[in-house]
Amino acid sequence: MAEQLDIYEFFALTTIILWDTGLVDISDECIRTGKRVKDQAMAELIFYMKDHKKIEEPGIRIASIVNFLPAVYKSARRIQDDVEVTRVFNIYTATKEFCDLISGNFC
């Protein structure tokens, strides 16, 4: 990645990814909380960029960070697909718990 995220930018990106307010069957309260958390993370990221990194236009840097999201999604899907192929062809015997973790089955 050419943009070299620092730890604060990484945590902001992680917050934006993990607080997904578009999930099915979540409550209105959960949606409001998620939006509030994401807005707060974005405000703190802008403050960090202006005051600590001395970036005059943080919007451009934020856009380049958000541009990483498709690559993160693609990498996650690739890992899931690779694990599924290893299970189908019995290439690598992973535990059921590991496979559930990768595929998102937490119940």
Protein backbone atom coordinates (compact mmCIF):
# COMPACT_ATOMS: atom_id res chain seq x y z
CA MET A 1 0.00 0.00 0.00
CA ALA A 2 1.51 3.25 -1.11
CA GLU A 3 -0.26 5.41 1.48
CA GLN A 4 1.38 3.91 4.60
CA LEU A 5 -1.29 4.16 7.28
CA ASP A 6 -0.12 5.06 10.75
CA ILE A 7 -1.64 3.40 13.80
CA TYR A 8 -4.28 6.11 14.37
CA GLU A 9 -5.44 5.99 10.77
CA PHE A 10 -5.54 2.20 10.98
CA PHE A 11 -7.74 2.32 14.09
CA ALA A 12 -10.05 4.86 12.46
CA LEU A 13 -10.36 2.63 9.38
CA THR A 14 -11.04 -0.37 11.62
CA THR A 15 -13.77 1.58 13.43
CA ILE A 16 -15.40 2.54 10.15
CA ILE A 17 -15.33 -1.08 8.97
CA LEU A 18 -16.51 -2.75 12.17
CA TRP A 19 -19.36 -0.37 13.03
CA ASP A 20 -21.46 -1.43 10.05
CA THR A 21 -24.85 0.25 10.35
CA GLY A 22 -26.17 -1.43 7.21
CA LEU A 23 -26.55 -4.89 8.69
CA VAL A 24 -29.89 -6.67 8.49
CA ASP A 25 -32.08 -6.94 11.60
CA ILE A 26 -30.28 -4.48 13.86
CA SER A 27 -32.20 -2.13 16.08
CA ASP A 28 -32.61 1.59 15.51
CA GLU A 29 -30.66 2.19 18.71
CA CYS A 30 -27.76 0.13 17.34
CA ILE A 31 -27.84 2.11 14.09
CA ARG A 32 -27.80 5.41 16.00
CA THR A 33 -24.94 4.22 18.21
CA GLY A 34 -22.94 3.01 15.22
CA LYS A 35 -23.43 6.28 13.38
CA ARG A 36 -22.42 8.25 16.47
CA VAL A 37 -19.27 6.15 16.94
CA LYS A 38 -18.29 6.46 13.28
CA ASP A 39 -18.91 10.23 13.29
CA GLN A 40 -16.81 10.61 16.45
CA ALA A 41 -13.99 8.52 14.95
CA MET A 42 -14.06 10.68 11.81
CA ALA A 43 -14.01 13.92 13.85
CA GLU A 44 -11.05 12.66 15.88
CA LEU A 45 -9.25 11.58 12.72
CA ILE A 46 -9.71 15.06 11.21
CA PHE A 47 -8.42 16.65 14.43
CA TYR A 48 -5.42 14.30 14.46
CA MET A 49 -4.56 15.07 10.85
CA LYS A 50 -4.88 18.84 11.25
CA ASP A 51 -3.16 19.24 14.62
CA HIS A 52 -0.62 16.41 14.74
CA LYS A 53 0.21 15.52 11.15
CA LYS A 54 -0.22 19.14 9.98
CA ILE A 55 -2.26 18.15 6.92
CA GLU A 56 -4.10 21.22 5.66
CA GLU A 57 -6.73 19.30 3.71
CA PRO A 58 -7.46 16.12 5.66
CA GLY A 59 -10.36 15.28 3.35
CA ILE A 60 -7.96 14.18 0.63
CA ARG A 61 -6.03 11.95 3.03
CA ILE A 62 -9.28 10.51 4.43
CA ALA A 63 -10.48 9.78 0.91
CA SER A 64 -7.28 7.86 0.20
CA ILE A 65 -7.72 5.91 3.44
CA VAL A 66 -11.37 5.09 2.69
CA ASN A 67 -10.20 4.00 -0.75
CA PHE A 68 -8.49 1.07 1.03
CA LEU A 69 -11.86 -0.41 2.01
CA PRO A 70 -12.44 -2.32 -1.26
CA ALA A 71 -8.95 -3.82 -0.96
CA VAL A 72 -9.66 -4.88 2.63
CA TYR A 73 -12.94 -6.48 1.56
CA LYS A 74 -11.26 -8.23 -1.38
CA SER A 75 -8.52 -9.60 0.88
CA ALA A 76 -11.03 -10.86 3.43
CA ARG A 77 -13.05 -12.61 0.71
CA ARG A 78 -9.85 -14.16 -0.67
CA ILE A 79 -8.98 -15.58 2.74
CA GLN A 80 -12.51 -16.98 3.11
CA ASP A 81 -12.34 -18.55 -0.35
CA ASP A 82 -8.92 -20.07 0.32
CA VAL A 83 -10.11 -21.63 3.58
CA GLU A 84 -13.18 -23.05 1.83
CA VAL A 85 -11.03 -24.57 -0.94
CA THR A 86 -8.76 -26.20 1.63
CA ARG A 87 -11.83 -27.71 3.30
CA VAL A 88 -13.36 -28.96 0.04
CA PHE A 89 -10.17 -30.61 -1.19
CA ASN A 90 -8.96 -31.60 2.28
CA ILE A 91 -5.64 -29.83 1.68
CA TYR A 92 -5.33 -28.51 5.20
CA THR A 93 -7.27 -29.75 8.17
CA ALA A 94 -8.32 -26.71 10.14
CA THR A 95 -10.51 -26.92 13.20
CA LYS A 96 -14.20 -26.21 12.84
CA GLU A 97 -13.81 -23.23 15.17
CA PHE A 98 -11.17 -21.71 12.87
CA CYS A 99 -13.33 -22.20 9.78
CA ASP A 100 -16.33 -20.71 11.58
CA LEU A 101 -14.24 -17.71 12.61
CA ILE A 102 -13.07 -17.09 9.05
CA SER A 103 -16.54 -17.52 7.56
CA GLY A 104 -18.22 -15.34 10.20
CA ASN A 105 -20.27 -18.08 11.90
CA PHE A 106 -20.09 -16.99 15.52
CA CYS A 107 -23.13 -18.85 16.86
